[in-house]
Amino acid sequence: ALVAAGTWTVLGGRTLRHEAEVMGRALRDGDLPAARQRLGHLCG
């Protein structure tokens, strides 16, 4: 149980994939302001 809780805490795979998919939708829709605002969730 402790290892499971620790693993869940330190992993970020789902969030990473979600951010890529959100960025992809914004770019496909041509919404550059939304895409630019979203980039901060991925990098600096």
PDB file of all heavy atoms in Angstrom:
ATOM      1  N   ALA A   1       0.831  -1.207   0.000  1.00  0.00           N
ATOM      2  CA  ALA A   1       0.000   0.000   0.000  1.00  0.00           C
ATOM      3  C   ALA A   1       0.863   1.254   0.000  1.00  0.00           C
ATOM      4  O   ALA A   1       0.564   2.230  -0.706  1.00  0.00           O
ATOM      5  CB  ALA A   1      -0.929  -0.008   1.214  1.00  0.00           C
ATOM      6  N   LEU A   2       1.937   1.252   0.783  1.00  0.00           N
ATOM      7  CA  LEU A   2       2.825   2.415   0.820  1.00  0.00           C
ATOM      8  C   LEU A   2       3.527   2.631  -0.525  1.00  0.00           C
ATOM      9  O   LEU A   2       3.638   3.763  -1.005  1.00  0.00           O
ATOM     10  CB  LEU A   2       3.869   2.247   1.922  1.00  0.00           C
ATOM     11  CG  LEU A   2       3.435   2.586   3.344  1.00  0.00           C
ATOM     12  CD1 LEU A   2       4.549   2.250   4.318  1.00  0.00           C
ATOM     13  CD2 LEU A   2       3.055   4.058   3.459  1.00  0.00           C
ATOM     14  N   VAL A   3       4.022   1.549  -1.114  1.00  0.00           N
ATOM     15  CA  VAL A   3       4.683   1.675  -2.410  1.00  0.00           C
ATOM     16  C   VAL A   3       3.691   2.139  -3.473  1.00  0.00           C
ATOM     17  O   VAL A   3       4.020   2.961  -4.332  1.00  0.00           O
ATOM     18  CB  VAL A   3       5.350   0.344  -2.813  1.00  0.00           C
ATOM     19  CG1 VAL A   3       5.890   0.414  -4.236  1.00  0.00           C
ATOM     20  CG2 VAL A   3       6.478   0.004  -1.840  1.00  0.00           C
ATOM     21  N   ALA A   4       2.454   1.641  -3.405  1.00  0.00           N
ATOM     22  CA  ALA A   4       1.436   2.079  -4.359  1.00  0.00           C
ATOM     23  C   ALA A   4       1.156   3.568  -4.217  1.00  0.00           C
ATOM     24  O   ALA A   4       1.088   4.306  -5.211  1.00  0.00           O
ATOM     25  CB  ALA A   4       0.150   1.282  -4.156  1.00  0.00           C
ATOM     26  N   ALA A   5       1.014   4.026  -2.971  1.00  0.00           N
ATOM     27  CA  ALA A   5       0.763   5.447  -2.747  1.00  0.00           C
ATOM     28  C   ALA A   5       1.944   6.289  -3.210  1.00  0.00           C
ATOM     29  O   ALA A   5       1.766   7.347  -3.836  1.00  0.00           O
ATOM     30  CB  ALA A   5       0.477   5.695  -1.259  1.00  0.00           C
ATOM     31  N   GLY A   6       3.161   5.813  -2.909  1.00  0.00           N
ATOM     32  CA  GLY A   6       4.339   6.550  -3.347  1.00  0.00           C
ATOM     33  C   GLY A   6       4.461   6.591  -4.854  1.00  0.00           C
ATOM     34  O   GLY A   6       4.798   7.627  -5.438  1.00  0.00           O
ATOM     35  N   THR A   7       4.170   5.475  -5.514  1.00  0.00           N
ATOM     36  CA  THR A   7       4.255   5.413  -6.971  1.00  0.00           C
ATOM     37  C   THR A   7       3.247   6.360  -7.612  1.00  0.00           C
ATOM     38  O   THR A   7       3.574   7.116  -8.541  1.00  0.00           O
ATOM     39  CB  THR A   7       4.022   3.974  -7.457  1.00  0.00           C
ATOM     40  OG1 THR A   7       4.984   3.104  -6.844  1.00  0.00           O
ATOM     41  CG2 THR A   7       4.158   3.872  -8.969  1.00  0.00           C
ATOM     42  N   TRP A   8       2.022   6.316  -7.119  1.00  0.00           N
ATOM     43  CA  TRP A   8       0.985   7.217  -7.642  1.00  0.00           C
ATOM     44  C   TRP A   8       1.399   8.682  -7.464  1.00  0.00           C
ATOM     45  O   TRP A   8       1.213   9.508  -8.354  1.00  0.00           O
ATOM     46  CB  TRP A   8      -0.337   6.945  -6.931  1.00  0.00           C
ATOM     47  CG  TRP A   8      -1.478   7.814  -7.382  1.00  0.00           C
ATOM     48  CD1 TRP A   8      -1.620   8.408  -8.603  1.00  0.00           C
ATOM     49  CD2 TRP A   8      -2.625   8.162  -6.621  1.00  0.00           C
ATOM     50  NE1 TRP A   8      -2.799   9.112  -8.643  1.00  0.00           N
ATOM     51  CE2 TRP A   8      -3.440   8.986  -7.448  1.00  0.00           C
ATOM     52  CE3 TRP A   8      -3.052   7.859  -5.330  1.00  0.00           C
ATOM     53  CZ2 TRP A   8      -4.655   9.510  -7.011  1.00  0.00           C
ATOM     54  CZ3 TRP A   8      -4.269   8.381  -4.899  1.00  0.00           C
ATOM     55  CH2 TRP A   8      -5.046   9.190  -5.720  1.00  0.00           C
ATOM     56  N   THR A   9       1.996   8.975  -6.325  1.00  0.00           N
ATOM     57  CA  THR A   9       2.394  10.357  -6.033  1.00  0.00           C
ATOM     58  C   THR A   9       3.456  10.862  -6.993  1.00  0.00           C
ATOM     59  O   THR A   9       3.399  12.011  -7.442  1.00  0.00           O
ATOM     60  CB  THR A   9       2.910  10.452  -4.588  1.00  0.00           C
ATOM     61  OG1 THR A   9       1.839  10.144  -3.680  1.00  0.00           O
ATOM     62  CG2 THR A   9       3.447  11.846  -4.281  1.00  0.00           C
ATOM     63  N   VAL A  10       4.430  10.022  -7.317  1.00  0.00           N
ATOM     64  CA  VAL A  10       5.582  10.518  -8.087  1.00  0.00           C
ATOM     65  C   VAL A  10       5.411  10.380  -9.593  1.00  0.00           C
ATOM     66  O   VAL A  10       6.157  11.015 -10.343  1.00  0.00           O
ATOM     67  CB  VAL A  10       6.880   9.809  -7.648  1.00  0.00           C
ATOM     68  CG1 VAL A  10       7.109   9.955  -6.155  1.00  0.00           C
ATOM     69  CG2 VAL A  10       6.885   8.331  -8.031  1.00  0.00           C
ATOM     70  N   LEU A  11       4.463   9.562 -10.055  1.00  0.00           N
ATOM     71  CA  LEU A  11       4.279   9.417 -11.501  1.00  0.00           C
ATOM     72  C   LEU A  11       3.469  10.580 -12.073  1.00  0.00           C
ATOM     73  O   LEU A  11       2.660  11.191 -11.386  1.00  0.00           O
ATOM     74  CB  LEU A  11       3.557   8.104 -11.819  1.00  0.00           C
ATOM     75  CG  LEU A  11       4.329   6.810 -11.599  1.00  0.00           C
ATOM     76  CD1 LEU A  11       3.484   5.615 -12.049  1.00  0.00           C
ATOM     77  CD2 LEU A  11       5.655   6.820 -12.325  1.00  0.00           C
ATOM     78  N   GLY A  12       3.700  10.854 -13.352  1.00  0.00           N
ATOM     79  CA  GLY A  12       2.942  11.908 -14.023  1.00  0.00           C
ATOM     80  C   GLY A  12       2.593  11.555 -15.454  1.00  0.00           C
ATOM     81  O   GLY A  12       2.413  12.448 -16.284  1.00  0.00           O
ATOM     82  N   GLY A  13       2.463  10.268 -15.754  1.00  0.00           N
ATOM     83  CA  GLY A  13       2.241   9.847 -17.128  1.00  0.00           C
ATOM     84  C   GLY A  13       0.910  10.278 -17.694  1.00  0.00           C
ATOM     85  O   GLY A  13       0.827  10.771 -18.826  1.00  0.00           O
ATOM     86  N   ARG A  14      -0.169  10.094 -16.934  1.00  0.00           N
ATOM     87  CA  ARG A  14      -1.492  10.466 -17.446  1.00  0.00           C
ATOM     88  C   ARG A  14      -1.569  11.964 -17.700  1.00  0.00           C
ATOM     89  O   ARG A  14      -2.087  12.409 -18.733  1.00  0.00           O
ATOM     90  CB  ARG A  14      -2.576  10.035 -16.466  1.00  0.00           C
ATOM     91  CG  ARG A  14      -3.982  10.417 -16.930  1.00  0.00           C
ATOM     92  CD  ARG A  14      -5.025  10.104 -15.870  1.00  0.00           C
ATOM     93  NE  ARG A  14      -6.322  10.632 -16.252  1.00  0.00           N
ATOM     94  CZ  ARG A  14      -7.285   9.931 -16.861  1.00  0.00           C
ATOM     95  NH1 ARG A  14      -7.066   8.671 -17.166  1.00  0.00           N
ATOM     96  NH2 ARG A  14      -8.437  10.495 -17.155  1.00  0.00           N
ATOM     97  N   THR A  15      -1.066  12.747 -16.759  1.00  0.00           N
ATOM     98  CA  THR A  15      -1.094  14.202 -16.914  1.00  0.00           C
ATOM     99  C   THR A  15      -0.280  14.640 -18.121  1.00  0.00           C
ATOM    100  O   THR A  15      -0.684  15.533 -18.880  1.00  0.00           O
ATOM    101  CB  THR A  15      -0.565  14.873 -15.640  1.00  0.00           C
ATOM    102  OG1 THR A  15      -1.416  14.525 -14.546  1.00  0.00           O
ATOM    103  CG2 THR A  15      -0.530  16.385 -15.787  1.00  0.00           C
ATOM    104  N   LEU A  16       0.874  14.015 -18.333  1.00  0.00           N
ATOM    105  CA  LEU A  16       1.716  14.354 -19.471  1.00  0.00           C
ATOM    106  C   LEU A  16       0.982  14.099 -20.778  1.00  0.00           C
ATOM    107  O   LEU A  16       0.958  14.956 -21.682  1.00  0.00           O
ATOM    108  CB  LEU A  16       3.008  13.533 -19.408  1.00  0.00           C
ATOM    109  CG  LEU A  16       4.011  13.736 -20.540  1.00  0.00           C
ATOM    110  CD1 LEU A  16       4.538  15.162 -20.555  1.00  0.00           C
ATOM    111  CD2 LEU A  16       5.162  12.738 -20.392  1.00  0.00           C
ATOM    112  N   ARG A  17       0.371  12.945 -20.904  1.00  0.00           N
ATOM    113  CA  ARG A  17      -0.352  12.621 -22.138  1.00  0.00           C
ATOM    114  C   ARG A  17      -1.563  13.531 -22.322  1.00  0.00           C
ATOM    115  O   ARG A  17      -1.881  13.955 -23.442  1.00  0.00           O
ATOM    116  CB  ARG A  17      -0.771  11.151 -22.126  1.00  0.00           C
ATOM    117  CG  ARG A  17       0.405  10.177 -22.161  1.00  0.00           C
ATOM    118  CD  ARG A  17      -0.063   8.751 -22.358  1.00  0.00           C
ATOM    119  NE  ARG A  17      -0.943   8.306 -21.286  1.00  0.00           N
ATOM    120  CZ  ARG A  17      -0.528   7.804 -20.131  1.00  0.00           C
ATOM    121  NH1 ARG A  17       0.776   7.701 -19.886  1.00  0.00           N
ATOM    122  NH2 ARG A  17      -1.386   7.392 -19.215  1.00  0.00           N
ATOM    123  N   HIS A  18      -2.242  13.857 -21.220  1.00  0.00           N
ATOM    124  CA  HIS A  18      -3.405  14.745 -21.299  1.00  0.00           C
ATOM    125  C   HIS A  18      -2.998  16.121 -21.819  1.00  0.00           C
ATOM    126  O   HIS A  18      -3.684  16.691 -22.682  1.00  0.00           O
ATOM    127  CB  HIS A  18      -4.035  14.864 -19.914  1.00  0.00           C
ATOM    128  CG  HIS A  18      -5.100  15.910 -19.825  1.00  0.00           C
ATOM    129  ND1 HIS A  18      -6.350  15.752 -20.392  1.00  0.00           N
ATOM    130  CD2 HIS A  18      -5.102  17.152 -19.242  1.00  0.00           C
ATOM    131  CE1 HIS A  18      -7.065  16.833 -20.163  1.00  0.00           C
ATOM    132  NE2 HIS A  18      -6.340  17.694 -19.472  1.00  0.00           N
ATOM    133  N   GLU A  19      -1.887  16.639 -21.315  1.00  0.00           N
ATOM    134  CA  GLU A  19      -1.445  17.964 -21.754  1.00  0.00           C
ATOM    135  C   GLU A  19      -1.090  17.957 -23.243  1.00  0.00           C
ATOM    136  O   GLU A  19      -1.370  18.928 -23.960  1.00  0.00           O
ATOM    137  CB  GLU A  19      -0.243  18.425 -20.927  1.00  0.00           C
ATOM    138  CG  GLU A  19      -0.574  18.725 -19.477  1.00  0.00           C
ATOM    139  CD  GLU A  19      -1.580  19.855 -19.326  1.00  0.00           C
ATOM    140  OE1 GLU A  19      -1.620  20.743 -20.193  1.00  0.00           O
ATOM    141  OE2 GLU A  19      -2.336  19.842 -18.342  1.00  0.00           O
ATOM    142  N   ALA A  20      -0.476  16.882 -23.709  1.00  0.00           N
ATOM    143  CA  ALA A  20      -0.156  16.786 -25.135  1.00  0.00           C
ATOM    144  C   ALA A  20      -1.432  16.759 -25.974  1.00  0.00           C
ATOM    145  O   ALA A  20      -1.502  17.401 -27.042  1.00  0.00           O
ATOM    146  CB  ALA A  20       0.676  15.539 -25.401  1.00  0.00           C
ATOM    147  N   GLU A  21      -2.444  16.051 -25.502  1.00  0.00           N
ATOM    148  CA  GLU A  21      -3.697  15.965 -26.255  1.00  0.00           C
ATOM    149  C   GLU A  21      -4.432  17.302 -26.252  1.00  0.00           C
ATOM    150  O   GLU A  21      -5.011  17.713 -27.271  1.00  0.00           O
ATOM    151  CB  GLU A  21      -4.565  14.855 -25.659  1.00  0.00           C
ATOM    152  CG  GLU A  21      -3.993  13.457 -25.928  1.00  0.00           C
ATOM    153  CD  GLU A  21      -4.564  12.406 -25.009  1.00  0.00           C
ATOM    154  OE1 GLU A  21      -5.425  12.766 -24.158  1.00  0.00           O
ATOM    155  OE2 GLU A  21      -4.170  11.228 -25.129  1.00  0.00           O
ATOM    156  N   VAL A  22      -4.428  18.013 -25.118  1.00  0.00           N
ATOM    157  CA  VAL A  22      -5.060  19.331 -25.050  1.00  0.00           C
ATOM    158  C   VAL A  22      -4.359  20.304 -25.990  1.00  0.00           C
ATOM    159  O   VAL A  22      -4.997  21.080 -26.719  1.00  0.00           O
ATOM    160  CB  VAL A  22      -5.055  19.862 -23.599  1.00  0.00           C
ATOM    161  CG1 VAL A  22      -5.482  21.331 -23.561  1.00  0.00           C
ATOM    162  CG2 VAL A  22      -5.968  19.028 -22.726  1.00  0.00           C
ATOM    163  N   MET A  23      -3.036  20.283 -25.994  1.00  0.00           N
ATOM    164  CA  MET A  23      -2.280  21.144 -26.897  1.00  0.00           C
ATOM    165  C   MET A  23      -2.594  20.809 -28.348  1.00  0.00           C
ATOM    166  O   MET A  23      -2.753  21.708 -29.197  1.00  0.00           O
ATOM    167  CB  MET A  23      -0.788  20.993 -26.632  1.00  0.00           C
ATOM    168  CG  MET A  23       0.082  21.846 -27.533  1.00  0.00           C
ATOM    169  SD  MET A  23      -0.073  23.611 -27.237  1.00  0.00           S
ATOM    170  CE  MET A  23       0.942  23.749 -25.757  1.00  0.00           C
ATOM    171  N   GLY A  24      -2.683  19.532 -28.655  1.00  0.00           N
ATOM    172  CA  GLY A  24      -3.000  19.126 -30.021  1.00  0.00           C
ATOM    173  C   GLY A  24      -4.357  19.648 -30.466  1.00  0.00           C
ATOM    174  O   GLY A  24      -4.508  20.119 -31.611  1.00  0.00           O
ATOM    175  N   ARG A  25      -5.365  19.578 -29.587  1.00  0.00           N
ATOM    176  CA  ARG A  25      -6.689  20.090 -29.945  1.00  0.00           C
ATOM    177  C   ARG A  25      -6.650  21.594 -30.195  1.00  0.00           C
ATOM    178  O   ARG A  25      -7.257  22.093 -31.151  1.00  0.00           O
ATOM    179  CB  ARG A  25      -7.699  19.762 -28.846  1.00  0.00           C
ATOM    180  CG  ARG A  25      -8.121  18.310 -28.811  1.00  0.00           C
ATOM    181  CD  ARG A  25      -9.381  18.123 -27.999  1.00  0.00           C
ATOM    182  NE  ARG A  25      -9.188  18.484 -26.598  1.00  0.00           N
ATOM    183  CZ  ARG A  25      -8.779  17.644 -25.656  1.00  0.00           C
ATOM    184  NH1 ARG A  25      -8.502  16.385 -25.973  1.00  0.00           N
ATOM    185  NH2 ARG A  25      -8.646  18.039 -24.403  1.00  0.00           N
ATOM    186  N   ALA A  26      -5.944  22.319 -29.320  1.00  0.00           N
ATOM    187  CA  ALA A  26      -5.866  23.767 -29.495  1.00  0.00           C
ATOM    188  C   ALA A  26      -5.202  24.133 -30.821  1.00  0.00           C
ATOM    189  O   ALA A  26      -5.663  25.037 -31.535  1.00  0.00           O
ATOM    190  CB  ALA A  26      -5.104  24.392 -28.322  1.00  0.00           C
ATOM    191  N   LEU A  27      -4.144  23.418 -31.180  1.00  0.00           N
ATOM    192  CA  LEU A  27      -3.452  23.718 -32.431  1.00  0.00           C
ATOM    193  C   LEU A  27      -4.298  23.327 -33.635  1.00  0.00           C
ATOM    194  O   LEU A  27      -4.321  24.043 -34.651  1.00  0.00           O
ATOM    195  CB  LEU A  27      -2.105  23.010 -32.467  1.00  0.00           C
ATOM    196  CG  LEU A  27      -1.054  23.509 -31.459  1.00  0.00           C
ATOM    197  CD1 LEU A  27       0.218  22.690 -31.581  1.00  0.00           C
ATOM    198  CD2 LEU A  27      -0.759  24.997 -31.687  1.00  0.00           C
ATOM    199  N   ARG A  28      -4.997  22.207 -33.562  1.00  0.00           N
ATOM    200  CA  ARG A  28      -5.859  21.819 -34.685  1.00  0.00           C
ATOM    201  C   ARG A  28      -6.989  22.817 -34.888  1.00  0.00           C
ATOM    202  O   ARG A  28      -7.427  23.050 -36.019  1.00  0.00           O
ATOM    203  CB  ARG A  28      -6.432  20.413 -34.443  1.00  0.00           C
ATOM    204  CG  ARG A  28      -5.432  19.301 -34.665  1.00  0.00           C
ATOM    205  CD  ARG A  28      -6.117  17.947 -34.729  1.00  0.00           C
ATOM    206  NE  ARG A  28      -6.795  17.618 -33.478  1.00  0.00           N
ATOM    207  CZ  ARG A  28      -6.210  17.024 -32.432  1.00  0.00           C
ATOM    208  NH1 ARG A  28      -4.911  16.715 -32.497  1.00  0.00           N
ATOM    209  NH2 ARG A  28      -6.887  16.742 -31.350  1.00  0.00           N
ATOM    210  N   ASP A  29      -7.461  23.416 -33.792  1.00  0.00           N
ATOM    211  CA  ASP A  29      -8.531  24.425 -33.885  1.00  0.00           C
ATOM    212  C   ASP A  29      -8.008  25.799 -34.275  1.00  0.00           C
ATOM    213  O   ASP A  29      -8.797  26.742 -34.417  1.00  0.00           O
ATOM    214  CB  ASP A  29      -9.263  24.527 -32.540  1.00  0.00           C
ATOM    215  CG  ASP A  29     -10.034  23.259 -32.201  1.00  0.00           C
ATOM    216  OD1 ASP A  29     -10.295  22.463 -33.129  1.00  0.00           O
ATOM    217  OD2 ASP A  29     -10.358  23.060 -31.011  1.00  0.00           O
ATOM    218  N   GLY A  30      -6.681  25.921 -34.398  1.00  0.00           N
ATOM    219  CA  GLY A  30      -6.104  27.211 -34.739  1.00  0.00           C
ATOM    220  C   GLY A  30      -6.133  28.213 -33.602  1.00  0.00           C
ATOM    221  O   GLY A  30      -5.998  29.426 -33.842  1.00  0.00           O
ATOM    222  N   ASP A  31      -6.300  27.744 -32.375  1.00  0.00           N
ATOM    223  CA  ASP A  31      -6.410  28.634 -31.208  1.00  0.00           C
ATOM    224  C   ASP A  31      -5.022  28.829 -30.602  1.00  0.00           C
ATOM    225  O   ASP A  31      -4.677  28.218 -29.581  1.00  0.00           O
ATOM    226  CB  ASP A  31      -7.377  28.028 -30.198  1.00  0.00           C
ATOM    227  CG  ASP A  31      -7.762  29.008 -29.104  1.00  0.00           C
ATOM    228  OD1 ASP A  31      -7.120  30.073 -28.999  1.00  0.00           O
ATOM    229  OD2 ASP A  31      -8.711  28.706 -28.339  1.00  0.00           O
ATOM    230  N   LEU A  32      -4.219  29.682 -31.208  1.00  0.00           N
ATOM    231  CA  LEU A  32      -2.854  29.897 -30.724  1.00  0.00           C
ATOM    232  C   LEU A  32      -2.814  30.514 -29.325  1.00  0.00           C
ATOM    233  O   LEU A  32      -1.955  30.117 -28.519  1.00  0.00           O
ATOM    234  CB  LEU A  32      -2.070  30.768 -31.703  1.00  0.00           C
ATOM    235  CG  LEU A  32      -1.618  30.099 -33.004  1.00  0.00           C
ATOM    236  CD1 LEU A  32      -0.797  31.071 -33.834  1.00  0.00           C
ATOM    237  CD2 LEU A  32      -0.826  28.836 -32.726  1.00  0.00           C
ATOM    238  N   PRO A  33      -3.700  31.457 -28.979  1.00  0.00           N
ATOM    239  CA  PRO A  33      -3.664  31.984 -27.600  1.00  0.00           C
ATOM    240  C   PRO A  33      -3.856  30.896 -26.550  1.00  0.00           C
ATOM    241  O   PRO A  33      -3.152  30.870 -25.534  1.00  0.00           O
ATOM    242  CB  PRO A  33      -4.801  33.008 -27.584  1.00  0.00           C
ATOM    243  CG  PRO A  33      -4.906  33.460 -28.998  1.00  0.00           C
ATOM    244  CD  PRO A  33      -4.626  32.240 -29.818  1.00  0.00           C
ATOM    245  N   ALA A  34      -4.796  29.984 -26.786  1.00  0.00           N
ATOM    246  CA  ALA A  34      -5.011  28.899 -25.831  1.00  0.00           C
ATOM    247  C   ALA A  34      -3.809  27.968 -25.780  1.00  0.00           C
ATOM    248  O   ALA A  34      -3.407  27.499 -24.704  1.00  0.00           O
ATOM    249  CB  ALA A  34      -6.272  28.113 -26.204  1.00  0.00           C
ATOM    250  N   ALA A  35      -3.220  27.688 -26.950  1.00  0.00           N
ATOM    251  CA  ALA A  35      -2.052  26.810 -26.991  1.00  0.00           C
ATOM    252  C   ALA A  35      -0.876  27.442 -26.261  1.00  0.00           C
ATOM    253  O   ALA A  35      -0.149  26.767 -25.522  1.00  0.00           O
ATOM    254  CB  ALA A  35      -1.686  26.494 -28.439  1.00  0.00           C
ATOM    255  N   ARG A  36      -0.667  28.736 -26.487  1.00  0.00           N
ATOM    256  CA  ARG A  36       0.429  29.420 -25.797  1.00  0.00           C
ATOM    257  C   ARG A  36       0.224  29.426 -24.293  1.00  0.00           C
ATOM    258  O   ARG A  36       1.169  29.227 -23.527  1.00  0.00           O
ATOM    259  CB  ARG A  36       0.545  30.846 -26.324  1.00  0.00           C
ATOM    260  CG  ARG A  36       1.099  30.931 -27.730  1.00  0.00           C
ATOM    261  CD  ARG A  36       0.926  32.316 -28.325  1.00  0.00           C
ATOM    262  NE  ARG A  36       1.490  32.397 -29.673  1.00  0.00           N
ATOM    263  CZ  ARG A  36       1.148  33.324 -30.556  1.00  0.00           C
ATOM    264  NH1 ARG A  36       0.261  34.254 -30.241  1.00  0.00           N
ATOM    265  NH2 ARG A  36       1.717  33.321 -31.754  1.00  0.00           N
ATOM    266  N   GLN A  37      -1.003  29.630 -23.869  1.00  0.00           N
ATOM    267  CA  GLN A  37      -1.278  29.619 -22.434  1.00  0.00           C
ATOM    268  C   GLN A  37      -1.057  28.232 -21.837  1.00  0.00           C
ATOM    269  O   GLN A  37      -0.602  28.095 -20.701  1.00  0.00           O
ATOM    270  CB  GLN A  37      -2.717  30.076 -22.187  1.00  0.00           C
ATOM    271  CG  GLN A  37      -3.099  30.187 -20.721  1.00  0.00           C
ATOM    272  CD  GLN A  37      -4.522  30.675 -20.535  1.00  0.00           C
ATOM    273  OE1 GLN A  37      -5.338  30.622 -21.453  1.00  0.00           O
ATOM    274  NE2 GLN A  37      -4.832  31.166 -19.342  1.00  0.00           N
ATOM    275  N   ARG A  38      -1.323  27.197 -22.626  1.00  0.00           N
ATOM    276  CA  ARG A  38      -1.212  25.823 -22.122  1.00  0.00           C
ATOM    277  C   ARG A  38       0.229  25.349 -22.033  1.00  0.00           C
ATOM    278  O   ARG A  38       0.536  24.421 -21.275  1.00  0.00           O
ATOM    279  CB  ARG A  38      -1.985  24.882 -23.057  1.00  0.00           C
ATOM    280  CG  ARG A  38      -2.371  23.561 -22.419  1.00  0.00           C
ATOM    281  CD  ARG A  38      -3.504  23.759 -21.441  1.00  0.00           C
ATOM    282  NE  ARG A  38      -3.698  22.580 -20.611  1.00  0.00           N
ATOM    283  CZ  ARG A  38      -4.675  22.466 -19.720  1.00  0.00           C
ATOM    284  NH1 ARG A  38      -5.524  23.467 -19.553  1.00  0.00           N
ATOM    285  NH2 ARG A  38      -4.797  21.379 -18.993  1.00  0.00           N
ATOM    286  N   LEU A  39       1.134  25.952 -22.795  1.00  0.00           N
ATOM    287  CA  LEU A  39       2.500  25.448 -22.851  1.00  0.00           C
ATOM    288  C   LEU A  39       3.172  25.456 -21.484  1.00  0.00           C
ATOM    289  O   LEU A  39       4.025  24.607 -21.198  1.00  0.00           O
ATOM    290  CB  LEU A  39       3.328  26.272 -23.845  1.00  0.00           C
ATOM    291  CG  LEU A  39       4.740  25.737 -24.115  1.00  0.00           C
ATOM    292  CD1 LEU A  39       4.684  24.370 -24.783  1.00  0.00           C
ATOM    293  CD2 LEU A  39       5.535  26.714 -24.975  1.00  0.00           C
ATOM    294  N   GLY A  40       2.797  26.404 -20.622  1.00  0.00           N
ATOM    295  CA  GLY A  40       3.389  26.462 -19.295  1.00  0.00           C
ATOM    296  C   GLY A  40       3.151  25.228 -18.459  1.00  0.00           C
ATOM    297  O   GLY A  40       3.865  24.994 -17.474  1.00  0.00           O
ATOM    298  N   HIS A  41       2.150  24.410 -18.818  1.00  0.00           N
ATOM    299  CA  HIS A  41       1.913  23.152 -18.106  1.00  0.00           C
ATOM    300  C   HIS A  41       2.948  22.098 -18.456  1.00  0.00           C
ATOM    301  O   HIS A  41       3.046  21.073 -17.774  1.00  0.00           O
ATOM    302  CB  HIS A  41       0.514  22.615 -18.430  1.00  0.00           C
ATOM    303  CG  HIS A  41      -0.591  23.462 -17.917  1.00  0.00           C
ATOM    304  ND1 HIS A  41      -1.420  23.076 -16.888  1.00  0.00           N
ATOM    305  CD2 HIS A  41      -1.019  24.699 -18.274  1.00  0.00           C
ATOM    306  CE1 HIS A  41      -2.304  24.016 -16.639  1.00  0.00           C
ATOM    307  NE2 HIS A  41      -2.085  25.020 -17.478  1.00  0.00           N
ATOM    308  N   LEU A  42       3.704  22.330 -19.537  1.00  0.00           N
ATOM    309  CA  LEU A  42       4.663  21.336 -20.005  1.00  0.00           C
ATOM    310  C   LEU A  42       6.114  21.760 -19.841  1.00  0.00           C
ATOM    311  O   LEU A  42       6.975  20.928 -19.583  1.00  0.00           O
ATOM    312  CB  LEU A  42       4.398  21.027 -21.489  1.00  0.00           C
ATOM    313  CG  LEU A  42       3.183  20.162 -21.803  1.00  0.00           C
ATOM    314  CD1 LEU A  42       2.852  20.234 -23.284  1.00  0.00           C
ATOM    315  CD2 LEU A  42       3.414  18.720 -21.385  1.00  0.00           C
ATOM    316  N   CYS A  43       6.429  23.026 -20.044  1.00  0.00           N
ATOM    317  CA  CYS A  43       7.816  23.458 -20.000  1.00  0.00           C
ATOM    318  C   CYS A  43       7.886  24.940 -19.675  1.00  0.00           C
ATOM    319  O   CYS A  43       6.865  25.622 -19.618  1.00  0.00           O
ATOM    320  CB  CYS A  43       8.541  23.155 -21.314  1.00  0.00           C
ATOM    321  SG  CYS A  43       7.894  24.057 -22.743  1.00  0.00           S
ATOM    322  N   GLY A  44       9.106  25.443 -19.486  1.00  0.00           N
ATOM    323  CA  GLY A  44       9.301  26.809 -19.043  1.00  0.00           C
ATOM    324  C   GLY A  44       9.669  27.786 -20.134  1.00  0.00           C
ATOM    325  O   GLY A  44      10.249  28.836 -19.854  1.00  0.00           O
TER     326      GLY A  44
END
